[in-house]
Amino acid sequence: MKWTVVLTEEAERDINTAAVWYEGEASGLGRQFLDAVGVALAHIEHNPQQFPVVHRDKRRALLKRFPYGLYFRLESTSAVVVGCFHGHRNPRAWKSRQ
């Protein structure tokens, strides 16, 4: 079964902010970050249950090469991504997102 992946506005904003920051660090790095996000989203779409529950109903898919995770919750047939956070960021930021 293929799951529908839904990005909240906050998650989209998190992703875009990080991509802009990486692009400012080195040309093309923002694109590479977005590619890593795309790969993680594809994995979530095909098998979201492979990712561990890290807090209550939220799961985390780590990005390859970048110290970020996509935090999401499962609903009936969809995976709702509530945020994209750096691994060193205060956990309260993603724990409070619905």
PDB file of N, CA and C in Angstrom:
ATOM      1  N   MET A   1       0.836  -1.191   0.000  1.00  0.00           N
ATOM      2  CA  MET A   1       0.000   0.000   0.000  1.00  0.00           C
ATOM      3  C   MET A   1       0.873   1.243   0.000  1.00  0.00           C
ATOM      4  N   LYS A   2       0.530   2.164  -0.850  1.00  0.00           N
ATOM      5  CA  LYS A   2       1.236   3.432  -0.911  1.00  0.00           C
ATOM      6  C   LYS A   2       0.500   4.436  -0.035  1.00  0.00           C
ATOM      7  N   TRP A   3       1.237   5.135   0.809  1.00  0.00           N
ATOM      8  CA  TRP A   3       0.649   6.138   1.694  1.00  0.00           C
ATOM      9  C   TRP A   3       0.695   7.501   1.024  1.00  0.00           C
ATOM     10  N   THR A   4      -0.246   8.348   1.354  1.00  0.00           N
ATOM     11  CA  THR A   4      -0.226   9.730   0.885  1.00  0.00           C
ATOM     12  C   THR A   4       0.591  10.536   1.886  1.00  0.00           C
ATOM     13  N   VAL A   5       1.579  11.263   1.397  1.00  0.00           N
ATOM     14  CA  VAL A   5       2.399  12.099   2.267  1.00  0.00           C
ATOM     15  C   VAL A   5       1.892  13.532   2.166  1.00  0.00           C
ATOM     16  N   VAL A   6       1.594  14.102   3.318  1.00  0.00           N
ATOM     17  CA  VAL A   6       1.081  15.472   3.395  1.00  0.00           C
ATOM     18  C   VAL A   6       2.079  16.300   4.190  1.00  0.00           C
ATOM     19  N   LEU A   7       2.501  17.415   3.610  1.00  0.00           N
ATOM     20  CA  LEU A   7       3.393  18.340   4.319  1.00  0.00           C
ATOM     21  C   LEU A   7       2.566  19.478   4.898  1.00  0.00           C
ATOM     22  N   THR A   8       2.707  19.725   6.186  1.00  0.00           N
ATOM     23  CA  THR A   8       2.044  20.891   6.766  1.00  0.00           C
ATOM     24  C   THR A   8       2.786  22.140   6.305  1.00  0.00           C
ATOM     25  N   GLU A   9       2.151  23.287   6.444  1.00  0.00           N
ATOM     26  CA  GLU A   9       2.801  24.546   6.080  1.00  0.00           C
ATOM     27  C   GLU A   9       4.079  24.740   6.886  1.00  0.00           C
ATOM     28  N   GLU A  10       4.036  24.379   8.164  1.00  0.00           N
ATOM     29  CA  GLU A  10       5.219  24.519   9.009  1.00  0.00           C
ATOM     30  C   GLU A  10       6.363  23.647   8.506  1.00  0.00           C
ATOM     31  N   ALA A  11       6.050  22.436   8.094  1.00  0.00           N
ATOM     32  CA  ALA A  11       7.080  21.533   7.581  1.00  0.00           C
ATOM     33  C   ALA A  11       7.683  22.082   6.288  1.00  0.00           C
ATOM     34  N   GLU A  12       6.838  22.580   5.404  1.00  0.00           N
ATOM     35  CA  GLU A  12       7.340  23.179   4.165  1.00  0.00           C
ATOM     36  C   GLU A  12       8.250  24.356   4.469  1.00  0.00           C
ATOM     37  N   ARG A  13       7.861  25.163   5.430  1.00  0.00           N
ATOM     38  CA  ARG A  13       8.671  26.320   5.819  1.00  0.00           C
ATOM     39  C   ARG A  13      10.016  25.859   6.395  1.00  0.00           C
ATOM     40  N   ASP A  14       9.991  24.832   7.242  1.00  0.00           N
ATOM     41  CA  ASP A  14      11.239  24.288   7.801  1.00  0.00           C
ATOM     42  C   ASP A  14      12.182  23.832   6.693  1.00  0.00           C
ATOM     43  N   ILE A  15      11.644  23.092   5.743  1.00  0.00           N
ATOM     44  CA  ILE A  15      12.446  22.551   4.639  1.00  0.00           C
ATOM     45  C   ILE A  15      13.029  23.671   3.799  1.00  0.00           C
ATOM     46  N   ASN A  16      12.196  24.640   3.437  1.00  0.00           N
ATOM     47  CA  ASN A  16      12.670  25.751   2.610  1.00  0.00           C
ATOM     48  C   ASN A  16      13.720  26.587   3.323  1.00  0.00           C
ATOM     49  N   THR A  17      13.520  26.833   4.611  1.00  0.00           N
ATOM     50  CA  THR A  17      14.486  27.616   5.387  1.00  0.00           C
ATOM     51  C   THR A  17      15.844  26.919   5.422  1.00  0.00           C
ATOM     52  N   ALA A  18      15.835  25.615   5.665  1.00  0.00           N
ATOM     53  CA  ALA A  18      17.091  24.860   5.704  1.00  0.00           C
ATOM     54  C   ALA A  18      17.762  24.837   4.336  1.00  0.00           C
ATOM     55  N   ALA A  19      16.969  24.668   3.278  1.00  0.00           N
ATOM     56  CA  ALA A  19      17.536  24.628   1.923  1.00  0.00           C
ATOM     57  C   ALA A  19      18.192  25.962   1.570  1.00  0.00           C
ATOM     58  N   VAL A  20      17.548  27.061   1.923  1.00  0.00           N
ATOM     59  CA  VAL A  20      18.117  28.392   1.658  1.00  0.00           C
ATOM     60  C   VAL A  20      19.420  28.561   2.434  1.00  0.00           C
ATOM     61  N   TRP A  21      19.428  28.112   3.691  1.00  0.00           N
ATOM     62  CA  TRP A  21      20.643  28.225   4.501  1.00  0.00           C
ATOM     63  C   TRP A  21      21.776  27.429   3.864  1.00  0.00           C
ATOM     64  N   TYR A  22      21.505  26.173   3.465  1.00  0.00           N
ATOM     65  CA  TYR A  22      22.541  25.350   2.851  1.00  0.00           C
ATOM     66  C   TYR A  22      23.026  25.950   1.528  1.00  0.00           C
ATOM     67  N   GLU A  23      22.122  26.504   0.770  1.00  0.00           N
ATOM     68  CA  GLU A  23      22.527  27.127  -0.504  1.00  0.00           C
ATOM     69  C   GLU A  23      23.442  28.315  -0.249  1.00  0.00           C
ATOM     70  N   GLY A  24      23.193  29.026   0.834  1.00  0.00           N
ATOM     71  CA  GLY A  24      24.066  30.141   1.207  1.00  0.00           C
ATOM     72  C   GLY A  24      25.453  29.692   1.631  1.00  0.00           C
ATOM     73  N   GLU A  25      25.550  28.448   2.113  1.00  0.00           N
ATOM     74  CA  GLU A  25      26.842  27.908   2.525  1.00  0.00           C
ATOM     75  C   GLU A  25      27.686  27.476   1.327  1.00  0.00           C
ATOM     76  N   ALA A  26      27.039  26.890   0.324  1.00  0.00           N
ATOM     77  CA  ALA A  26      27.752  26.431  -0.873  1.00  0.00           C
ATOM     78  C   ALA A  26      26.750  26.261  -2.007  1.00  0.00           C
ATOM     79  N   SER A  27      27.128  26.732  -3.160  1.00  0.00           N
ATOM     80  CA  SER A  27      26.256  26.636  -4.323  1.00  0.00           C
ATOM     81  C   SER A  27      25.918  25.166  -4.616  1.00  0.00           C
ATOM     82  N   GLY A  28      24.633  24.879  -4.751  1.00  0.00           N
ATOM     83  CA  GLY A  28      24.179  23.530  -5.052  1.00  0.00           C
ATOM     84  C   GLY A  28      23.860  22.697  -3.825  1.00  0.00           C
ATOM     85  N   LEU A  29      24.303  23.141  -2.653  1.00  0.00           N
ATOM     86  CA  LEU A  29      24.072  22.365  -1.447  1.00  0.00           C
ATOM     87  C   LEU A  29      22.597  22.392  -1.037  1.00  0.00           C
ATOM     88  N   GLY A  30      21.917  23.492  -1.301  1.00  0.00           N
ATOM     89  CA  GLY A  30      20.483  23.563  -1.030  1.00  0.00           C
ATOM     90  C   GLY A  30      19.714  22.551  -1.856  1.00  0.00           C
ATOM     91  N   ARG A  31      20.092  22.394  -3.112  1.00  0.00           N
ATOM     92  CA  ARG A  31      19.458  21.402  -3.996  1.00  0.00           C
ATOM     93  C   ARG A  31      19.713  19.996  -3.471  1.00  0.00           C
ATOM     94  N   GLN A  32      20.930  19.740  -3.004  1.00  0.00           N
ATOM     95  CA  GLN A  32      21.257  18.426  -2.459  1.00  0.00           C
ATOM     96  C   GLN A  32      20.425  18.139  -1.204  1.00  0.00           C
ATOM     97  N   PHE A  33      20.209  19.165  -0.393  1.00  0.00           N
ATOM     98  CA  PHE A  33      19.369  19.005   0.788  1.00  0.00           C
ATOM     99  C   PHE A  33      17.946  18.634   0.365  1.00  0.00           C
ATOM    100  N   LEU A  34      17.411  19.356  -0.617  1.00  0.00           N
ATOM    101  CA  LEU A  34      16.056  19.061  -1.097  1.00  0.00           C
ATOM    102  C   LEU A  34      15.964  17.657  -1.693  1.00  0.00           C
ATOM    103  N   ASP A  35      17.023  17.223  -2.354  1.00  0.00           N
ATOM    104  CA  ASP A  35      17.046  15.858  -2.891  1.00  0.00           C
ATOM    105  C   ASP A  35      16.986  14.835  -1.754  1.00  0.00           C
ATOM    106  N   ALA A  36      17.726  15.098  -0.677  1.00  0.00           N
ATOM    107  CA  ALA A  36      17.716  14.192   0.482  1.00  0.00           C
ATOM    108  C   ALA A  36      16.323  14.160   1.124  1.00  0.00           C
ATOM    109  N   VAL A  37      15.669  15.303   1.171  1.00  0.00           N
ATOM    110  CA  VAL A  37      14.295  15.357   1.684  1.00  0.00           C
ATOM    111  C   VAL A  37      13.385  14.518   0.789  1.00  0.00           C
ATOM    112  N   GLY A  38      13.551  14.658  -0.516  1.00  0.00           N
ATOM    113  CA  GLY A  38      12.736  13.887  -1.461  1.00  0.00           C
ATOM    114  C   GLY A  38      12.897  12.391  -1.290  1.00  0.00           C
ATOM    115  N   VAL A  39      14.115  11.939  -1.065  1.00  0.00           N
ATOM    116  CA  VAL A  39      14.370  10.512  -0.850  1.00  0.00           C
ATOM    117  C   VAL A  39      13.669  10.052   0.427  1.00  0.00           C
ATOM    118  N   ALA A  40      13.800  10.832   1.500  1.00  0.00           N
ATOM    119  CA  ALA A  40      13.148  10.469   2.768  1.00  0.00           C
ATOM    120  C   ALA A  40      11.630  10.435   2.613  1.00  0.00           C
ATOM    121  N   LEU A  41      11.072  11.401   1.894  1.00  0.00           N
ATOM    122  CA  LEU A  41       9.623  11.421   1.673  1.00  0.00           C
ATOM    123  C   LEU A  41       9.169  10.196   0.881  1.00  0.00           C
ATOM    124  N   ALA A  42       9.970   9.774  -0.083  1.00  0.00           N
ATOM    125  CA  ALA A  42       9.633   8.575  -0.861  1.00  0.00           C
ATOM    126  C   ALA A  42       9.638   7.334   0.032  1.00  0.00           C
ATOM    127  N   HIS A  43      10.599   7.259   0.948  1.00  0.00           N
ATOM    128  CA  HIS A  43      10.641   6.122   1.881  1.00  0.00           C
ATOM    129  C   HIS A  43       9.418   6.138   2.801  1.00  0.00           C
ATOM    130  N   ILE A  44       9.039   7.326   3.241  1.00  0.00           N
ATOM    131  CA  ILE A  44       7.847   7.448   4.089  1.00  0.00           C
ATOM    132  C   ILE A  44       6.618   6.994   3.306  1.00  0.00           C
ATOM    133  N   GLU A  45       6.529   7.407   2.054  1.00  0.00           N
ATOM    134  CA  GLU A  45       5.383   7.067   1.219  1.00  0.00           C
ATOM    135  C   GLU A  45       5.235   5.552   1.048  1.00  0.00           C
ATOM    136  N   HIS A  46       6.345   4.859   0.900  1.00  0.00           N
ATOM    137  CA  HIS A  46       6.290   3.420   0.630  1.00  0.00           C
ATOM    138  C   HIS A  46       6.211   2.550   1.876  1.00  0.00           C
ATOM    139  N   ASN A  47       6.790   3.015   2.982  1.00  0.00           N
ATOM    140  CA  ASN A  47       6.754   2.193   4.195  1.00  0.00           C
ATOM    141  C   ASN A  47       7.008   3.061   5.433  1.00  0.00           C
ATOM    142  N   PRO A  48       6.037   3.850   5.839  1.00  0.00           N
ATOM    143  CA  PRO A  48       6.257   4.760   6.965  1.00  0.00           C
ATOM    144  C   PRO A  48       6.474   4.045   8.286  1.00  0.00           C
ATOM    145  N   GLN A  49       6.015   2.812   8.398  1.00  0.00           N
ATOM    146  CA  GLN A  49       6.144   2.096   9.656  1.00  0.00           C
ATOM    147  C   GLN A  49       7.565   1.599   9.920  1.00  0.00           C
ATOM    148  N   GLN A  50       8.449   1.740   8.932  1.00  0.00           N
ATOM    149  CA  GLN A  50       9.840   1.354   9.147  1.00  0.00           C
ATOM    150  C   GLN A  50      10.563   2.344  10.067  1.00  0.00           C
ATOM    151  N   PHE A  51       9.982   3.523  10.250  1.00  0.00           N
ATOM    152  CA  PHE A  51      10.624   4.556  11.056  1.00  0.00           C
ATOM    153  C   PHE A  51      10.137   4.487  12.498  1.00  0.00           C
ATOM    154  N   PRO A  52      11.041   4.705  13.435  1.00  0.00           N
ATOM    155  CA  PRO A  52      10.671   4.556  14.843  1.00  0.00           C
ATOM    156  C   PRO A  52       9.778   5.674  15.357  1.00  0.00           C
ATOM    157  N   VAL A  53       8.940   5.311  16.298  1.00  0.00           N
ATOM    158  CA  VAL A  53       8.160   6.302  17.022  1.00  0.00           C
ATOM    159  C   VAL A  53       9.122   6.938  18.023  1.00  0.00           C
ATOM    160  N   VAL A  54       9.225   8.267  17.999  1.00  0.00           N
ATOM    161  CA  VAL A  54      10.171   8.950  18.882  1.00  0.00           C
ATOM    162  C   VAL A  54       9.485   9.727  19.997  1.00  0.00           C
ATOM    163  N   HIS A  55       8.203  10.007  19.823  1.00  0.00           N
ATOM    164  CA  HIS A  55       7.453  10.712  20.873  1.00  0.00           C
ATOM    165  C   HIS A  55       5.969  10.575  20.586  1.00  0.00           C
ATOM    166  N   ARG A  56       5.271   9.978  21.516  1.00  0.00           N
ATOM    167  CA  ARG A  56       3.830   9.724  21.370  1.00  0.00           C
ATOM    168  C   ARG A  56       3.537   9.103  20.017  1.00  0.00           C
ATOM    169  N   ASP A  57       2.877   9.824  19.118  1.00  0.00           N
ATOM    170  CA  ASP A  57       2.528   9.243  17.821  1.00  0.00           C
ATOM    171  C   ASP A  57       3.448   9.715  16.693  1.00  0.00           C
ATOM    172  N   LYS A  58       4.509  10.427  17.040  1.00  0.00           N
ATOM    173  CA  LYS A  58       5.386  10.976  15.999  1.00  0.00           C
ATOM    174  C   LYS A  58       6.557  10.046  15.704  1.00  0.00           C
ATOM    175  N   ARG A  59       6.809   9.887  14.420  1.00  0.00           N
ATOM    176  CA  ARG A  59       7.923   9.085  13.926  1.00  0.00           C
ATOM    177  C   ARG A  59       8.961  10.015  13.312  1.00  0.00           C
ATOM    178  N   ARG A  60      10.176   9.490  13.130  1.00  0.00           N
ATOM    179  CA  ARG A  60      11.242  10.313  12.558  1.00  0.00           C
ATOM    180  C   ARG A  60      11.963   9.555  11.462  1.00  0.00           C
ATOM    181  N   ALA A  61      12.093  10.224  10.312  1.00  0.00           N
ATOM    182  CA  ALA A  61      12.889   9.710   9.206  1.00  0.00           C
ATOM    183  C   ALA A  61      14.115  10.610   9.086  1.00  0.00           C
ATOM    184  N   LEU A  62      15.297  10.039   9.301  1.00  0.00           N
ATOM    185  CA  LEU A  62      16.523  10.820   9.216  1.00  0.00           C
ATOM    186  C   LEU A  62      16.929  11.009   7.759  1.00  0.00           C
ATOM    187  N   LEU A  63      17.492  12.177   7.472  1.00  0.00           N
ATOM    188  CA  LEU A  63      17.982  12.451   6.127  1.00  0.00           C
ATOM    189  C   LEU A  63      19.402  11.918   5.984  1.00  0.00           C
ATOM    190  N   LYS A  64      19.728  11.436   4.818  1.00  0.00           N
ATOM    191  CA  LYS A  64      21.101  11.015   4.544  1.00  0.00           C
ATOM    192  C   LYS A  64      21.947  12.258   4.308  1.00  0.00           C
ATOM    193  N   ARG A  65      23.123  12.256   4.880  1.00  0.00           N
ATOM    194  CA  ARG A  65      24.144  13.279   4.712  1.00  0.00           C
ATOM    195  C   ARG A  65      23.885  14.566   5.480  1.00  0.00           C
ATOM    196  N   PHE A  66      22.673  14.827   5.860  1.00  0.00           N
ATOM    197  CA  PHE A  66      22.328  16.065   6.558  1.00  0.00           C
ATOM    198  C   PHE A  66      21.801  15.723   7.955  1.00  0.00           C
ATOM    199  N   PRO A  67      22.134  16.533   8.949  1.00  0.00           N
ATOM    200  CA  PRO A  67      21.715  16.220  10.334  1.00  0.00           C
ATOM    201  C   PRO A  67      20.286  16.662  10.643  1.00  0.00           C
ATOM    202  N   TYR A  68      19.368  16.265   9.790  1.00  0.00           N
ATOM    203  CA  TYR A  68      17.956  16.642   9.931  1.00  0.00           C
ATOM    204  C   TYR A  68      17.082  15.409   9.958  1.00  0.00           C
ATOM    205  N   GLY A  69      15.909  15.569  10.535  1.00  0.00           N
ATOM    206  CA  GLY A  69      14.916  14.513  10.530  1.00  0.00           C
ATOM    207  C   GLY A  69      13.568  15.071  10.128  1.00  0.00           C
ATOM    208  N   LEU A  70      12.794  14.256   9.428  1.00  0.00           N
ATOM    209  CA  LEU A  70      11.408  14.594   9.119  1.00  0.00           C
ATOM    210  C   LEU A  70      10.544  13.933  10.176  1.00  0.00           C
ATOM    211  N   TYR A  71       9.747  14.721  10.855  1.00  0.00           N
ATOM    212  CA  TYR A  71       8.865  14.208  11.916  1.00  0.00           C
ATOM    213  C   TYR A  71       7.452  14.130  11.361  1.00  0.00           C
ATOM    214  N   PHE A  72       6.825  12.973  11.541  1.00  0.00           N
ATOM    215  CA  PHE A  72       5.502  12.771  10.959  1.00  0.00           C
ATOM    216  C   PHE A  72       4.659  11.872  11.839  1.00  0.00           C
ATOM    217  N   ARG A  73       3.362  11.933  11.610  1.00  0.00           N
ATOM    218  CA  ARG A  73       2.422  11.047  12.295  1.00  0.00           C
ATOM    219  C   ARG A  73       1.582  10.347  11.231  1.00  0.00           C
ATOM    220  N   LEU A  74       1.112   9.171  11.573  1.00  0.00           N
ATOM    221  CA  LEU A  74       0.288   8.403  10.648  1.00  0.00           C
ATOM    222  C   LEU A  74      -1.182   8.624  10.949  1.00  0.00           C
ATOM    223  N   GLU A  75      -1.939   8.802   9.893  1.00  0.00           N
ATOM    224  CA  GLU A  75      -3.389   8.843   9.981  1.00  0.00           C
ATOM    225  C   GLU A  75      -3.886   7.658   9.164  1.00  0.00           C
ATOM    226  N   SER A  76      -5.145   7.555   8.891  1.00  0.00           N
ATOM    227  CA  SER A  76      -5.698   6.340   8.265  1.00  0.00           C
ATOM    228  C   SER A  76      -4.912   5.874   7.037  1.00  0.00           C
ATOM    229  N   THR A  77      -4.731   6.714   6.045  1.00  0.00           N
ATOM    230  CA  THR A  77      -3.974   6.329   4.842  1.00  0.00           C
ATOM    231  C   THR A  77      -2.944   7.374   4.465  1.00  0.00           C
ATOM    232  N   SER A  78      -2.627   8.254   5.407  1.00  0.00           N
ATOM    233  CA  SER A  78      -1.664   9.307   5.088  1.00  0.00           C
ATOM    234  C   SER A  78      -0.626   9.463   6.190  1.00  0.00           C
ATOM    235  N   ALA A  79       0.514   9.976   5.786  1.00  0.00           N
ATOM    236  CA  ALA A  79       1.593  10.330   6.705  1.00  0.00           C
ATOM    237  C   ALA A  79       1.694  11.851   6.666  1.00  0.00           C
ATOM    238  N   VAL A  80       1.455  12.485   7.795  1.00  0.00           N
ATOM    239  CA  VAL A  80       1.443  13.942   7.871  1.00  0.00           C
ATOM    240  C   VAL A  80       2.781  14.410   8.454  1.00  0.00           C
ATOM    241  N   VAL A  81       3.578  15.068   7.628  1.00  0.00           N
ATOM    242  CA  VAL A  81       4.879  15.571   8.064  1.00  0.00           C
ATOM    243  C   VAL A  81       4.646  16.902   8.768  1.00  0.00           C
ATOM    244  N   VAL A  82       5.015  16.945  10.055  1.00  0.00           N
ATOM    245  CA  VAL A  82       4.757  18.135  10.866  1.00  0.00           C
ATOM    246  C   VAL A  82       5.983  19.024  11.000  1.00  0.00           C
ATOM    247  N   GLY A  83       7.161  18.522  10.622  1.00  0.00           N
ATOM    248  CA  GLY A  83       8.344  19.363  10.727  1.00  0.00           C
ATOM    249  C   GLY A  83       9.588  18.694  10.189  1.00  0.00           C
ATOM    250  N   CYS A  84      10.576  19.543   9.928  1.00  0.00           N
ATOM    251  CA  CYS A  84      11.905  19.103   9.504  1.00  0.00           C
ATOM    252  C   CYS A  84      12.880  19.848  10.408  1.00  0.00           C
ATOM    253  N   PHE A  85      13.542  19.109  11.298  1.00  0.00           N
ATOM    254  CA  PHE A  85      14.359  19.746  12.316  1.00  0.00           C
ATOM    255  C   PHE A  85      15.780  19.222  12.339  1.00  0.00           C
ATOM    256  N   HIS A  86      16.695  20.133  12.654  1.00  0.00           N
ATOM    257  CA  HIS A  86      18.095  19.784  12.872  1.00  0.00           C
ATOM    258  C   HIS A  86      18.176  18.892  14.107  1.00  0.00           C
ATOM    259  N   GLY A  87      19.064  17.931  14.102  1.00  0.00           N
ATOM    260  CA  GLY A  87      19.190  16.989  15.195  1.00  0.00           C
ATOM    261  C   GLY A  87      19.562  17.602  16.534  1.00  0.00           C
ATOM    262  N   HIS A  88      20.162  18.781  16.522  1.00  0.00           N
ATOM    263  CA  HIS A  88      20.556  19.430  17.779  1.00  0.00           C
ATOM    264  C   HIS A  88      19.541  20.456  18.259  1.00  0.00           C
ATOM    265  N   ARG A  89      18.469  20.595  17.540  1.00  0.00           N
ATOM    266  CA  ARG A  89      17.451  21.562  17.945  1.00  0.00           C
ATOM    267  C   ARG A  89      16.689  21.054  19.166  1.00  0.00           C
ATOM    268  N   ASN A  90      16.202  21.969  19.956  1.00  0.00           N
ATOM    269  CA  ASN A  90      15.466  21.627  21.163  1.00  0.00           C
ATOM    270  C   ASN A  90      14.256  20.755  20.787  1.00  0.00           C
ATOM    271  N   PRO A  91      14.123  19.567  21.394  1.00  0.00           N
ATOM    272  CA  PRO A  91      13.014  18.664  21.051  1.00  0.00           C
ATOM    273  C   PRO A  91      11.629  19.251  21.313  1.00  0.00           C
ATOM    274  N   ARG A  92      11.534  20.226  22.171  1.00  0.00           N
ATOM    275  CA  ARG A  92      10.221  20.832  22.418  1.00  0.00           C
ATOM    276  C   ARG A  92       9.619  21.405  21.138  1.00  0.00           C
ATOM    277  N   ALA A  93      10.461  21.845  20.227  1.00  0.00           N
ATOM    278  CA  ALA A  93       9.983  22.458  18.984  1.00  0.00           C
ATOM    279  C   ALA A  93       9.141  21.475  18.181  1.00  0.00           C
ATOM    280  N   TRP A  94       9.621  20.236  18.006  1.00  0.00           N
ATOM    281  CA  TRP A  94       8.853  19.288  17.193  1.00  0.00           C
ATOM    282  C   TRP A  94       7.822  18.517  18.019  1.00  0.00           C
ATOM    283  N   LYS A  95       8.064  18.371  19.306  1.00  0.00           N
ATOM    284  CA  LYS A  95       7.104  17.634  20.134  1.00  0.00           C
ATOM    285  C   LYS A  95       5.771  18.351  20.225  1.00  0.00           C
ATOM    286  N   SER A  96       5.796  19.664  20.150  1.00  0.00           N
ATOM    287  CA  SER A  96       4.555  20.426  20.304  1.00  0.00           C
ATOM    288  C   SER A  96       3.759  20.528  19.014  1.00  0.00           C
ATOM    289  N   ARG A  97       4.335  20.143  17.901  1.00  0.00           N
ATOM    290  CA  ARG A  97       3.621  20.261  16.630  1.00  0.00           C
ATOM    291  C   ARG A  97       2.587  19.167  16.464  1.00  0.00           C
ATOM    292  N   GLN A  98       1.422  19.539  15.969  1.00  0.00           N
ATOM    293  CA  GLN A  98       0.348  18.586  15.725  1.00  0.00           C
ATOM    294  C   GLN A  98       0.306  18.250  14.269  1.00  0.00           C
TER     295      GLN A  98
END
